[in-house]
C-alpha atoms as a PDB file:
ATOM      1  CA  UNK A   1      73.184 -44.239  -6.356  1.00  0.00           C
ATOM      2  CA  UNK A   2      73.428 -40.746  -4.928  1.00  0.00           C
ATOM      3  CA  UNK A   3      76.543 -38.896  -6.051  1.00  0.00           C
ATOM      4  CA  UNK A   4      76.124 -35.758  -3.917  1.00  0.00           C
ATOM      5  CA  UNK A   5      74.784 -35.769  -0.384  1.00  0.00           C
ATOM      6  CA  UNK A   6      72.563 -33.077   1.064  1.00  0.00           C
ATOM      7  CA  UNK A   7      75.569 -31.783   3.044  1.00  0.00           C
ATOM      8  CA  UNK A   8      77.587 -31.290  -0.137  1.00  0.00           C
ATOM      9  CA  UNK A   9      74.692 -29.771  -2.075  1.00  0.00           C
ATOM     10  CA  UNK A  10      73.932 -27.271   0.679  1.00  0.00           C
ATOM     11  CA  UNK A  11      77.618 -26.414   1.138  1.00  0.00           C
ATOM     12  CA  UNK A  12      78.014 -25.670  -2.574  1.00  0.00           C
ATOM     13  CA  UNK A  13      74.873 -23.525  -2.522  1.00  0.00           C
ATOM     14  CA  UNK A  14      76.170 -21.595   0.507  1.00  0.00           C
ATOM     15  CA  UNK A  15      79.515 -21.050  -1.230  1.00  0.00           C
ATOM     16  CA  UNK A  16      77.681 -19.813  -4.337  1.00  0.00           C
ATOM     17  CA  UNK A  17      75.790 -17.259  -2.261  1.00  0.00           C
ATOM     18  CA  UNK A  18      79.026 -16.059  -0.685  1.00  0.00           C
ATOM     19  CA  UNK A  19      80.738 -15.918  -4.087  1.00  0.00           C
ATOM     20  CA  UNK A  20      77.918 -13.708  -5.345  1.00  0.00           C
ATOM     21  CA  UNK A  21      78.660 -11.236  -2.537  1.00  0.00           C
ATOM     22  CA  UNK A  22      82.453 -11.034  -2.796  1.00  0.00           C
ATOM     23  CA  UNK A  23      84.292  -9.527   0.173  1.00  0.00           C
ATOM     24  CA  UNK A  24      81.034  -9.095   2.092  1.00  0.00           C
ATOM     25  CA  UNK A  25      80.226 -10.785   5.377  1.00  0.00           C
ATOM     26  CA  UNK A  26      76.806 -12.465   5.217  1.00  0.00           C
ATOM     27  CA  UNK A  27      74.891 -13.854   8.151  1.00  0.00           C
ATOM     28  CA  UNK A  28      74.145 -17.560   8.281  1.00  0.00           C
ATOM     29  CA  UNK A  29      70.476 -16.652   8.552  1.00  0.00           C
ATOM     30  CA  UNK A  30      70.580 -14.698   5.279  1.00  0.00           C
ATOM     31  CA  UNK A  31      72.305 -17.557   3.454  1.00  0.00           C
ATOM     32  CA  UNK A  32      69.802 -20.037   4.911  1.00  0.00           C
ATOM     33  CA  UNK A  33      66.878 -17.914   3.725  1.00  0.00           C
ATOM     34  CA  UNK A  34      68.309 -17.256   0.251  1.00  0.00           C
ATOM     35  CA  UNK A  35      69.148 -20.914  -0.330  1.00  0.00           C
ATOM     36  CA  UNK A  36      66.242 -22.429   1.630  1.00  0.00           C
ATOM     37  CA  UNK A  37      68.605 -24.410   3.851  1.00  0.00           C
ATOM     38  CA  UNK A  38      67.609 -25.208   7.454  1.00  0.00           C
ATOM     39  CA  UNK A  39      69.459 -22.655   9.599  1.00  0.00           C
ATOM     40  CA  UNK A  40      70.863 -25.043  12.232  1.00  0.00           C
ATOM     41  CA  UNK A  41      71.994 -27.463   9.529  1.00  0.00           C
ATOM     42  CA  UNK A  42      73.728 -24.633   7.665  1.00  0.00           C
ATOM     43  CA  UNK A  43      75.569 -23.470  10.776  1.00  0.00           C
ATOM     44  CA  UNK A  44      77.277 -26.859  11.047  1.00  0.00           C
ATOM     45  CA  UNK A  45      78.229 -26.781   7.372  1.00  0.00           C
ATOM     46  CA  UNK A  46      79.670 -23.284   7.724  1.00  0.00           C
ATOM     47  CA  UNK A  47      81.799 -24.441  10.659  1.00  0.00           C
ATOM     48  CA  UNK A  48      83.224 -27.246   8.504  1.00  0.00           C
ATOM     49  CA  UNK A  49      83.867 -24.851   5.615  1.00  0.00           C
ATOM     50  CA  UNK A  50      85.653 -22.465   8.000  1.00  0.00           C
ATOM     51  CA  UNK A  51      87.812 -25.261   9.474  1.00  0.00           C
ATOM     52  CA  UNK A  52      88.774 -26.270   5.931  1.00  0.00           C
ATOM     53  CA  UNK A  53      89.812 -22.701   5.099  1.00  0.00           C
ATOM     54  CA  UNK A  54      87.153 -21.932   2.492  1.00  0.00           C
ATOM     55  CA  UNK A  55      85.456 -19.207   4.527  1.00  0.00           C
ATOM     56  CA  UNK A  56      86.253 -16.922   7.417  1.00  0.00           C
ATOM     57  CA  UNK A  57      83.890 -15.677  10.079  1.00  0.00           C
ATOM     58  CA  UNK A  58      83.564 -12.529  12.121  1.00  0.00           C
ATOM     59  CA  UNK A  59      81.333 -11.867  15.109  1.00  0.00           C
ATOM     60  CA  UNK A  60      79.443  -8.709  15.880  1.00  0.00           C
ATOM     61  CA  UNK A  61      76.934  -6.364  14.304  1.00  0.00           C
ATOM     62  CA  UNK A  62      78.694  -6.453  10.930  1.00  0.00           C
ATOM     63  CA  UNK A  63      79.773 -10.054  11.275  1.00  0.00           C
ATOM     64  CA  UNK A  64      78.977 -13.200   9.400  1.00  0.00           C
ATOM     65  CA  UNK A  65      80.944 -15.329   6.983  1.00  0.00           C
ATOM     66  CA  UNK A  66      82.701 -14.634   3.697  1.00  0.00           C
ATOM     67  CA  UNK A  67      84.872 -16.496   1.247  1.00  0.00           C
ATOM     68  CA  UNK A  68      88.558 -16.357   2.018  1.00  0.00           C
ATOM     69  CA  UNK A  69      89.528 -18.002  -1.274  1.00  0.00           C
ATOM     70  CA  UNK A  70      88.756 -16.838  -4.793  1.00  0.00           C
ATOM     71  CA  UNK A  71      85.661 -18.686  -6.107  1.00  0.00           C
ATOM     72  CA  UNK A  72      87.676 -19.843  -9.134  1.00  0.00           C
ATOM     73  CA  UNK A  73      90.053 -21.731  -6.837  1.00  0.00           C
ATOM     74  CA  UNK A  74      87.405 -23.755  -4.976  1.00  0.00           C
ATOM     75  CA  UNK A  75      86.664 -26.935  -6.907  1.00  0.00           C
ATOM     76  CA  UNK A  76      83.521 -28.961  -6.449  1.00  0.00           C
ATOM     77  CA  UNK A  77      85.807 -31.981  -5.913  1.00  0.00           C
ATOM     78  CA  UNK A  78      87.300 -30.294  -2.833  1.00  0.00           C
ATOM     79  CA  UNK A  79      83.844 -29.665  -1.376  1.00  0.00           C
ATOM     80  CA  UNK A  80      82.750 -33.235  -2.107  1.00  0.00           C
ATOM     81  CA  UNK A  81      85.870 -34.607  -0.420  1.00  0.00           C
ATOM     82  CA  UNK A  82      85.340 -32.379   2.614  1.00  0.00           C
ATOM     83  CA  UNK A  83      81.805 -33.635   3.239  1.00  0.00           C
ATOM     84  CA  UNK A  84      81.825 -37.110   1.676  1.00  0.00           C
ATOM     85  CA  UNK A  85      85.397 -38.256   1.225  1.00  0.00           C
ATOM     86  CA  UNK A  86      86.802 -39.314  -2.130  1.00  0.00           C
ATOM     87  CA  UNK A  87      84.451 -39.830  -5.053  1.00  0.00           C
ATOM     88  CA  UNK A  88      83.825 -43.558  -4.910  1.00  0.00           C
ATOM     89  CA  UNK A  89      81.473 -45.822  -6.777  1.00  0.00           C
ATOM     90  CA  UNK A  90      83.117 -48.930  -5.349  1.00  0.00           C
ATOM     91  CA  UNK A  91      80.337 -50.505  -3.346  1.00  0.00           C
ATOM     92  CA  UNK A  92      79.776 -54.022  -4.628  1.00  0.00           C
ATOM     93  CA  UNK A  93      76.846 -53.792  -6.993  1.00  0.00           C
ATOM     94  CA  UNK A  94      75.736 -57.305  -6.200  1.00  0.00           C
ATOM     95  CA  UNK A  95      75.960 -57.484  -2.417  1.00  0.00           C
ATOM     96  CA  UNK A  96      75.581 -53.827  -1.355  1.00  0.00           C
ATOM     97  CA  UNK A  97      78.878 -53.950   0.526  1.00  0.00           C
ATOM     98  CA  UNK A  98      82.588 -53.625  -0.174  1.00  0.00           C
ATOM     99  CA  UNK A  99      83.677 -56.576  -2.258  1.00  0.00           C
ATOM    100  CA  UNK A 100      86.320 -58.837  -0.691  1.00  0.00           C
ATOM    101  CA  UNK A 101      87.472 -59.760  -4.208  1.00  0.00           C
ATOM    102  CA  UNK A 102      87.885 -56.218  -5.478  1.00  0.00           C
ATOM    103  CA  UNK A 103      91.609 -56.579  -6.335  1.00  0.00           C
ATOM    104  CA  UNK A 104      90.751 -59.233  -8.952  1.00  0.00           C
ATOM    105  CA  UNK A 105      87.330 -57.971  -9.955  1.00  0.00           C
ATOM    106  CA  UNK A 106      87.205 -56.921 -13.609  1.00  0.00           C
ATOM    107  CA  UNK A 107      84.220 -54.667 -12.938  1.00  0.00           C
ATOM    108  CA  UNK A 108      86.090 -52.970 -10.102  1.00  0.00           C
ATOM    109  CA  UNK A 109      88.908 -51.946 -12.449  1.00  0.00           C
ATOM    110  CA  UNK A 110      86.397 -50.284 -14.766  1.00  0.00           C
ATOM    111  CA  UNK A 111      84.723 -48.574 -11.816  1.00  0.00           C
ATOM    112  CA  UNK A 112      88.092 -47.224 -10.680  1.00  0.00           C
ATOM    113  CA  UNK A 113      88.630 -45.656 -14.120  1.00  0.00           C
ATOM    114  CA  UNK A 114      85.193 -44.065 -13.946  1.00  0.00           C
ATOM    115  CA  UNK A 115      85.917 -42.750 -10.430  1.00  0.00           C
ATOM    116  CA  UNK A 116      89.102 -41.078 -11.675  1.00  0.00           C
ATOM    117  CA  UNK A 117      87.216 -39.508 -14.602  1.00  0.00           C
ATOM    118  CA  UNK A 118      84.394 -38.231 -12.381  1.00  0.00           C
ATOM    119  CA  UNK A 119      86.865 -36.822  -9.872  1.00  0.00           C
ATOM    120  CA  UNK A 120      88.809 -35.079 -12.658  1.00  0.00           C
ATOM    121  CA  UNK A 121      85.600 -33.542 -14.031  1.00  0.00           C
ATOM    122  CA  UNK A 122      84.538 -32.308 -10.584  1.00  0.00           C
ATOM    123  CA  UNK A 123      88.015 -30.810 -10.226  1.00  0.00           C
ATOM    124  CA  UNK A 124      87.353 -28.674 -13.338  1.00  0.00           C
ATOM    125  CA  UNK A 125      84.097 -27.278 -11.940  1.00  0.00           C
ATOM    126  CA  UNK A 126      84.656 -24.418  -9.511  1.00  0.00           C
ATOM    127  CA  UNK A 127      82.407 -22.253  -7.393  1.00  0.00           C
ATOM    128  CA  UNK A 128      83.427 -19.431  -9.740  1.00  0.00           C
ATOM    129  CA  UNK A 129      82.347 -21.321 -12.863  1.00  0.00           C
ATOM    130  CA  UNK A 130      79.057 -22.301 -11.220  1.00  0.00           C
ATOM    131  CA  UNK A 131      78.449 -18.665 -10.278  1.00  0.00           C
ATOM    132  CA  UNK A 132      79.100 -17.575 -13.884  1.00  0.00           C
ATOM    133  CA  UNK A 133      76.625 -20.227 -15.096  1.00  0.00           C
ATOM    134  CA  UNK A 134      74.034 -19.081 -12.550  1.00  0.00           C
ATOM    135  CA  UNK A 135      74.455 -15.441 -13.552  1.00  0.00           C
ATOM    136  CA  UNK A 136      73.992 -16.380 -17.218  1.00  0.00           C
ATOM    137  CA  UNK A 137      70.805 -18.323 -16.423  1.00  0.00           C
ATOM    138  CA  UNK A 138      69.489 -15.345 -14.431  1.00  0.00           C
ATOM    139  CA  UNK A 139      70.395 -12.944 -17.259  1.00  0.00           C
ATOM    140  CA  UNK A 140      68.521 -15.075 -19.803  1.00  0.00           C
ATOM    141  CA  UNK A 141      65.538 -15.313 -17.471  1.00  0.00           C
ATOM    142  CA  UNK A 142      65.468 -11.532 -17.106  1.00  0.00           C
ATOM    143  CA  UNK A 143      65.621 -11.126 -20.890  1.00  0.00           C
ATOM    144  CA  UNK A 144      62.720 -13.547 -21.375  1.00  0.00           C
ATOM    145  CA  UNK A 145      60.686 -11.736 -18.733  1.00  0.00           C
ATOM    146  CA  UNK A 146      61.383  -8.391 -20.413  1.00  0.00           C
ATOM    147  CA  UNK A 147      60.302  -9.821 -23.770  1.00  0.00           C
ATOM    148  CA  UNK A 148      57.126 -11.185 -22.214  1.00  0.00           C
ATOM    149  CA  UNK A 149      56.344  -7.798 -20.671  1.00  0.00           C
ATOM    150  CA  UNK A 150      56.907  -6.072 -24.023  1.00  0.00           C
ATOM    151  CA  UNK A 151      54.322  -8.269 -25.724  1.00  0.00           C
END
């Protein structure tokens, strides 16, 4: 079972890059290079993010894309729903298709509870919180490197 698709993963990574450069327009090419995302693929994702109101774009020499929402207000759940639809684990585990008996299926009721919990957890995670986590990881890495150089 794959919870996040490549589209969603790349979109979150692009949003993280933009969040790290607040109020700055970045080119799609720069984001693609920084995040190692295929450029043409990224362009399509950026169009979707712009249509959904997460980013704005500007053409010209100083153009590009930037966040038009605060990173703390963009939940991972919103990004998942944009690119994948609702968080669902409802495919019949036994037949690899939607179960015709799902209204009476005891397992289905448990899966629905899990779906609600997963969705609620993804709602708590924001681009802003992911950026803070990333900055902390980078800070620790820099400290370790400095310690290694001192030895």
